[in-house]
Amino acid sequence: EVNDGSEGQESGEAKCKLGCTIFL
């Protein structure tokens, strides 16, 4: 589920659309 971005508007601060964010 994707929220409306209320947790933060900056890049990376809105709720992530991915089930898992992979850092390389």
PDB file of all heavy atoms in Angstrom:
ATOM      1  N   GLU A   1       0.851  -1.193   0.000  1.00  0.00           N
ATOM      2  CA  GLU A   1       0.000   0.000   0.000  1.00  0.00           C
ATOM      3  C   GLU A   1       0.879   1.233   0.000  1.00  0.00           C
ATOM      4  O   GLU A   1       1.909   1.288   0.655  1.00  0.00           O
ATOM      5  CB  GLU A   1      -0.897  -0.001   1.239  1.00  0.00           C
ATOM      6  CG  GLU A   1      -1.943  -1.106   1.251  1.00  0.00           C
ATOM      7  CD  GLU A   1      -2.858  -1.011   2.453  1.00  0.00           C
ATOM      8  OE1 GLU A   1      -2.793   0.008   3.164  1.00  0.00           O
ATOM      9  OE2 GLU A   1      -3.625  -1.959   2.665  1.00  0.00           O
ATOM     10  N   VAL A   2       0.470   2.232  -0.753  1.00  0.00           N
ATOM     11  CA  VAL A   2       1.226   3.477  -0.839  1.00  0.00           C
ATOM     12  C   VAL A   2       0.407   4.582  -0.217  1.00  0.00           C
ATOM     13  O   VAL A   2      -0.756   4.778  -0.570  1.00  0.00           O
ATOM     14  CB  VAL A   2       1.544   3.824  -2.315  1.00  0.00           C
ATOM     15  CG1 VAL A   2       2.385   5.091  -2.383  1.00  0.00           C
ATOM     16  CG2 VAL A   2       2.249   2.667  -2.996  1.00  0.00           C
ATOM     17  N   ASN A   3       1.018   5.310   0.711  1.00  0.00           N
ATOM     18  CA  ASN A   3       0.266   6.410   1.340  1.00  0.00           C
ATOM     19  C   ASN A   3       0.315   7.654   0.465  1.00  0.00           C
ATOM     20  O   ASN A   3       0.878   7.658  -0.619  1.00  0.00           O
ATOM     21  CB  ASN A   3       0.783   6.677   2.755  1.00  0.00           C
ATOM     22  CG  ASN A   3       2.191   7.288   2.761  1.00  0.00           C
ATOM     23  OD1 ASN A   3       2.728   7.688   1.736  1.00  0.00           O
ATOM     24  ND2 ASN A   3       2.792   7.351   3.932  1.00  0.00           N
ATOM     25  N   ASP A   4      -0.238   8.733   0.952  1.00  0.00           N
ATOM     26  CA  ASP A   4      -0.336   9.963   0.155  1.00  0.00           C
ATOM     27  C   ASP A   4       0.893  10.851   0.268  1.00  0.00           C
ATOM     28  O   ASP A   4       0.887  11.988  -0.194  1.00  0.00           O
ATOM     29  CB  ASP A   4      -1.587  10.756   0.573  1.00  0.00           C
ATOM     30  CG  ASP A   4      -1.556  11.149   2.054  1.00  0.00           C
ATOM     31  OD1 ASP A   4      -0.529  10.845   2.730  1.00  0.00           O
ATOM     32  OD2 ASP A   4      -2.545  11.739   2.521  1.00  0.00           O
ATOM     33  N   GLY A   5       1.945  10.332   0.922  1.00  0.00           N
ATOM     34  CA  GLY A   5       3.164  11.133   1.053  1.00  0.00           C
ATOM     35  C   GLY A   5       3.149  12.040   2.253  1.00  0.00           C
ATOM     36  O   GLY A   5       4.027  12.886   2.402  1.00  0.00           O
ATOM     37  N   SER A   6       2.170  11.904   3.142  1.00  0.00           N
ATOM     38  CA  SER A   6       2.068  12.811   4.285  1.00  0.00           C
ATOM     39  C   SER A   6       3.216  12.654   5.267  1.00  0.00           C
ATOM     40  O   SER A   6       3.491  13.551   6.040  1.00  0.00           O
ATOM     41  CB  SER A   6       0.737  12.571   5.014  1.00  0.00           C
ATOM     42  OG  SER A   6       0.645  11.236   5.452  1.00  0.00           O
ATOM     43  N   GLU A   7       3.923  11.508   5.234  1.00  0.00           N
ATOM     44  CA  GLU A   7       5.049  11.314   6.146  1.00  0.00           C
ATOM     45  C   GLU A   7       6.244  12.164   5.735  1.00  0.00           C
ATOM     46  O   GLU A   7       7.178  12.329   6.481  1.00  0.00           O
ATOM     47  CB  GLU A   7       5.456   9.844   6.163  1.00  0.00           C
ATOM     48  CG  GLU A   7       4.465   8.936   6.850  1.00  0.00           C
ATOM     49  CD  GLU A   7       5.020   7.540   6.968  1.00  0.00           C
ATOM     50  OE1 GLU A   7       6.058   7.366   7.642  1.00  0.00           O
ATOM     51  OE2 GLU A   7       4.437   6.620   6.393  1.00  0.00           O
ATOM     52  N   GLY A   8       6.236  12.686   4.545  1.00  0.00           N
ATOM     53  CA  GLY A   8       7.352  13.506   4.079  1.00  0.00           C
ATOM     54  C   GLY A   8       7.245  13.705   2.587  1.00  0.00           C
ATOM     55  O   GLY A   8       6.880  12.796   1.863  1.00  0.00           O
ATOM     56  N   GLN A   9       7.596  14.897   2.143  1.00  0.00           N
ATOM     57  CA  GLN A   9       7.424  15.214   0.732  1.00  0.00           C
ATOM     58  C   GLN A   9       8.727  15.147  -0.049  1.00  0.00           C
ATOM     59  O   GLN A   9       8.723  15.165  -1.258  1.00  0.00           O
ATOM     60  CB  GLN A   9       6.830  16.630   0.597  1.00  0.00           C
ATOM     61  CG  GLN A   9       5.441  16.764   1.216  1.00  0.00           C
ATOM     62  CD  GLN A   9       4.435  15.823   0.580  1.00  0.00           C
ATOM     63  OE1 GLN A   9       4.404  15.658  -0.628  1.00  0.00           O
ATOM     64  NE2 GLN A   9       3.607  15.193   1.392  1.00  0.00           N
ATOM     65  N   GLU A  10       9.860  15.086   0.668  1.00  0.00           N
ATOM     66  CA  GLU A  10      11.125  15.077  -0.040  1.00  0.00           C
ATOM     67  C   GLU A  10      11.377  13.708  -0.655  1.00  0.00           C
ATOM     68  O   GLU A  10      10.809  12.710  -0.240  1.00  0.00           O
ATOM     69  CB  GLU A  10      12.266  15.432   0.924  1.00  0.00           C
ATOM     70  CG  GLU A  10      12.149  16.863   1.451  1.00  0.00           C
ATOM     71  CD  GLU A  10      13.348  17.231   2.310  1.00  0.00           C
ATOM     72  OE1 GLU A  10      14.423  16.671   2.078  1.00  0.00           O
ATOM     73  OE2 GLU A  10      13.187  18.066   3.210  1.00  0.00           O
ATOM     74  N   SER A  11      12.273  13.680  -1.659  1.00  0.00           N
ATOM     75  CA  SER A  11      12.595  12.425  -2.334  1.00  0.00           C
ATOM     76  C   SER A  11      13.064  11.393  -1.326  1.00  0.00           C
ATOM     77  O   SER A  11      13.948  11.639  -0.531  1.00  0.00           O
ATOM     78  CB  SER A  11      13.690  12.664  -3.379  1.00  0.00           C
ATOM     79  OG  SER A  11      14.076  11.459  -3.971  1.00  0.00           O
ATOM     80  N   GLY A  12      12.439  10.225  -1.388  1.00  0.00           N
ATOM     81  CA  GLY A  12      12.822   9.151  -0.483  1.00  0.00           C
ATOM     82  C   GLY A  12      12.090   9.175   0.830  1.00  0.00           C
ATOM     83  O   GLY A  12      12.169   8.235   1.610  1.00  0.00           O
ATOM     84  N   GLU A  13      11.331  10.267   1.132  1.00  0.00           N
ATOM     85  CA  GLU A  13      10.660  10.368   2.413  1.00  0.00           C
ATOM     86  C   GLU A  13       9.197   9.986   2.338  1.00  0.00           C
ATOM     87  O   GLU A  13       8.569   9.741   3.356  1.00  0.00           O
ATOM     88  CB  GLU A  13      10.819  11.774   2.999  1.00  0.00           C
ATOM     89  CG  GLU A  13      12.269  12.067   3.381  1.00  0.00           C
ATOM     90  CD  GLU A  13      12.415  13.345   4.178  1.00  0.00           C
ATOM     91  OE1 GLU A  13      11.392  14.017   4.429  1.00  0.00           O
ATOM     92  OE2 GLU A  13      13.544  13.690   4.544  1.00  0.00           O
ATOM     93  N   ALA A  14       8.619   9.973   1.124  1.00  0.00           N
ATOM     94  CA  ALA A  14       7.279   9.428   0.990  1.00  0.00           C
ATOM     95  C   ALA A  14       7.354   7.913   1.107  1.00  0.00           C
ATOM     96  O   ALA A  14       8.392   7.314   0.851  1.00  0.00           O
ATOM     97  CB  ALA A  14       6.689   9.820  -0.367  1.00  0.00           C
ATOM     98  N   LYS A  15       6.251   7.309   1.529  1.00  0.00           N
ATOM     99  CA  LYS A  15       6.253   5.863   1.740  1.00  0.00           C
ATOM    100  C   LYS A  15       6.682   5.149   0.463  1.00  0.00           C
ATOM    101  O   LYS A  15       6.184   5.429  -0.617  1.00  0.00           O
ATOM    102  CB  LYS A  15       4.857   5.395   2.157  1.00  0.00           C
ATOM    103  CG  LYS A  15       4.794   3.955   2.639  1.00  0.00           C
ATOM    104  CD  LYS A  15       5.515   3.763   3.948  1.00  0.00           C
ATOM    105  CE  LYS A  15       5.294   2.359   4.497  1.00  0.00           C
ATOM    106  NZ  LYS A  15       6.025   2.135   5.733  1.00  0.00           N
ATOM    107  N   CYS A  16       7.636   4.239   0.596  1.00  0.00           N
ATOM    108  CA  CYS A  16       8.193   3.549  -0.562  1.00  0.00           C
ATOM    109  C   CYS A  16       7.154   2.658  -1.237  1.00  0.00           C
ATOM    110  O   CYS A  16       6.339   2.036  -0.571  1.00  0.00           O
ATOM    111  CB  CYS A  16       9.400   2.734  -0.110  1.00  0.00           C
ATOM    112  SG  CYS A  16      10.227   1.911  -1.452  1.00  0.00           S
ATOM    113  N   LYS A  17       7.185   2.590  -2.572  1.00  0.00           N
ATOM    114  CA  LYS A  17       6.246   1.764  -3.326  1.00  0.00           C
ATOM    115  C   LYS A  17       6.719   0.315  -3.433  1.00  0.00           C
ATOM    116  O   LYS A  17       5.989  -0.532  -3.915  1.00  0.00           O
ATOM    117  CB  LYS A  17       6.070   2.347  -4.736  1.00  0.00           C
ATOM    118  CG  LYS A  17       5.449   3.735  -4.771  1.00  0.00           C
ATOM    119  CD  LYS A  17       5.330   4.220  -6.197  1.00  0.00           C
ATOM    120  CE  LYS A  17       4.749   5.625  -6.247  1.00  0.00           C
ATOM    121  NZ  LYS A  17       4.641   6.139  -7.630  1.00  0.00           N
ATOM    122  N   LEU A  18       7.954   0.045  -3.033  1.00  0.00           N
ATOM    123  CA  LEU A  18       8.511  -1.289  -3.163  1.00  0.00           C
ATOM    124  C   LEU A  18       8.345  -2.087  -1.884  1.00  0.00           C
ATOM    125  O   LEU A  18       8.408  -1.533  -0.781  1.00  0.00           O
ATOM    126  CB  LEU A  18      10.000  -1.202  -3.513  1.00  0.00           C
ATOM    127  CG  LEU A  18      10.353  -0.531  -4.849  1.00  0.00           C
ATOM    128  CD1 LEU A  18      11.842  -0.279  -4.929  1.00  0.00           C
ATOM    129  CD2 LEU A  18       9.883  -1.385  -6.010  1.00  0.00           C
ATOM    130  N   GLY A  19       8.194  -3.392  -2.038  1.00  0.00           N
ATOM    131  CA  GLY A  19       8.118  -4.241  -0.858  1.00  0.00           C
ATOM    132  C   GLY A  19       9.444  -4.318  -0.131  1.00  0.00           C
ATOM    133  O   GLY A  19       9.499  -4.504   1.088  1.00  0.00           O
ATOM    134  N   CYS A  20      10.543  -4.172  -0.879  1.00  0.00           N
ATOM    135  CA  CYS A  20      11.889  -4.181  -0.291  1.00  0.00           C
ATOM    136  C   CYS A  20      12.782  -3.262  -1.104  1.00  0.00           C
ATOM    137  O   CYS A  20      12.845  -3.367  -2.330  1.00  0.00           O
ATOM    138  CB  CYS A  20      12.454  -5.602  -0.275  1.00  0.00           C
ATOM    139  SG  CYS A  20      14.122  -5.737   0.400  1.00  0.00           S
ATOM    140  N   THR A  21      13.451  -2.337  -0.453  1.00  0.00           N
ATOM    141  CA  THR A  21      14.399  -1.429  -1.097  1.00  0.00           C
ATOM    142  C   THR A  21      15.781  -2.049  -0.993  1.00  0.00           C
ATOM    143  O   THR A  21      16.275  -2.290   0.109  1.00  0.00           O
ATOM    144  CB  THR A  21      14.383  -0.047  -0.421  1.00  0.00           C
ATOM    145  OG1 THR A  21      13.075   0.524  -0.557  1.00  0.00           O
ATOM    146  CG2 THR A  21      15.408   0.887  -1.042  1.00  0.00           C
ATOM    147  N   ILE A  22      16.411  -2.318  -2.142  1.00  0.00           N
ATOM    148  CA  ILE A  22      17.700  -3.000  -2.154  1.00  0.00           C
ATOM    149  C   ILE A  22      18.832  -1.978  -2.301  1.00  0.00           C
ATOM    150  O   ILE A  22      18.881  -1.216  -3.268  1.00  0.00           O
ATOM    151  CB  ILE A  22      17.767  -4.035  -3.292  1.00  0.00           C
ATOM    152  CG1 ILE A  22      16.693  -5.119  -3.076  1.00  0.00           C
ATOM    153  CG2 ILE A  22      19.154  -4.666  -3.362  1.00  0.00           C
ATOM    154  CD1 ILE A  22      16.647  -6.178  -4.166  1.00  0.00           C
ATOM    155  N   PHE A  23      19.727  -1.987  -1.322  1.00  0.00           N
ATOM    156  CA  PHE A  23      20.920  -1.142  -1.325  1.00  0.00           C
ATOM    157  C   PHE A  23      22.088  -1.966  -1.874  1.00  0.00           C
ATOM    158  O   PHE A  23      22.338  -3.076  -1.411  1.00  0.00           O
ATOM    159  CB  PHE A  23      21.270  -0.687   0.088  1.00  0.00           C
ATOM    160  CG  PHE A  23      20.340   0.332   0.676  1.00  0.00           C
ATOM    161  CD1 PHE A  23      19.062  -0.029   1.086  1.00  0.00           C
ATOM    162  CD2 PHE A  23      20.742   1.654   0.846  1.00  0.00           C
ATOM    163  CE1 PHE A  23      18.195   0.908   1.636  1.00  0.00           C
ATOM    164  CE2 PHE A  23      19.884   2.591   1.398  1.00  0.00           C
ATOM    165  CZ  PHE A  23      18.617   2.229   1.793  1.00  0.00           C
ATOM    166  N   LEU A  24      22.808  -1.416  -2.850  1.00  0.00           N
ATOM    167  CA  LEU A  24      23.997  -2.064  -3.399  1.00  0.00           C
ATOM    168  C   LEU A  24      25.213  -1.186  -3.137  1.00  0.00           C
ATOM    169  O   LEU A  24      25.230  -0.017  -3.514  1.00  0.00           O
ATOM    170  CB  LEU A  24      23.841  -2.284  -4.909  1.00  0.00           C
ATOM    171  CG  LEU A  24      25.093  -2.795  -5.638  1.00  0.00           C
ATOM    172  CD1 LEU A  24      25.482  -4.203  -5.169  1.00  0.00           C
ATOM    173  CD2 LEU A  24      24.884  -2.778  -7.151  1.00  0.00           C
TER     174      LEU A  24
END
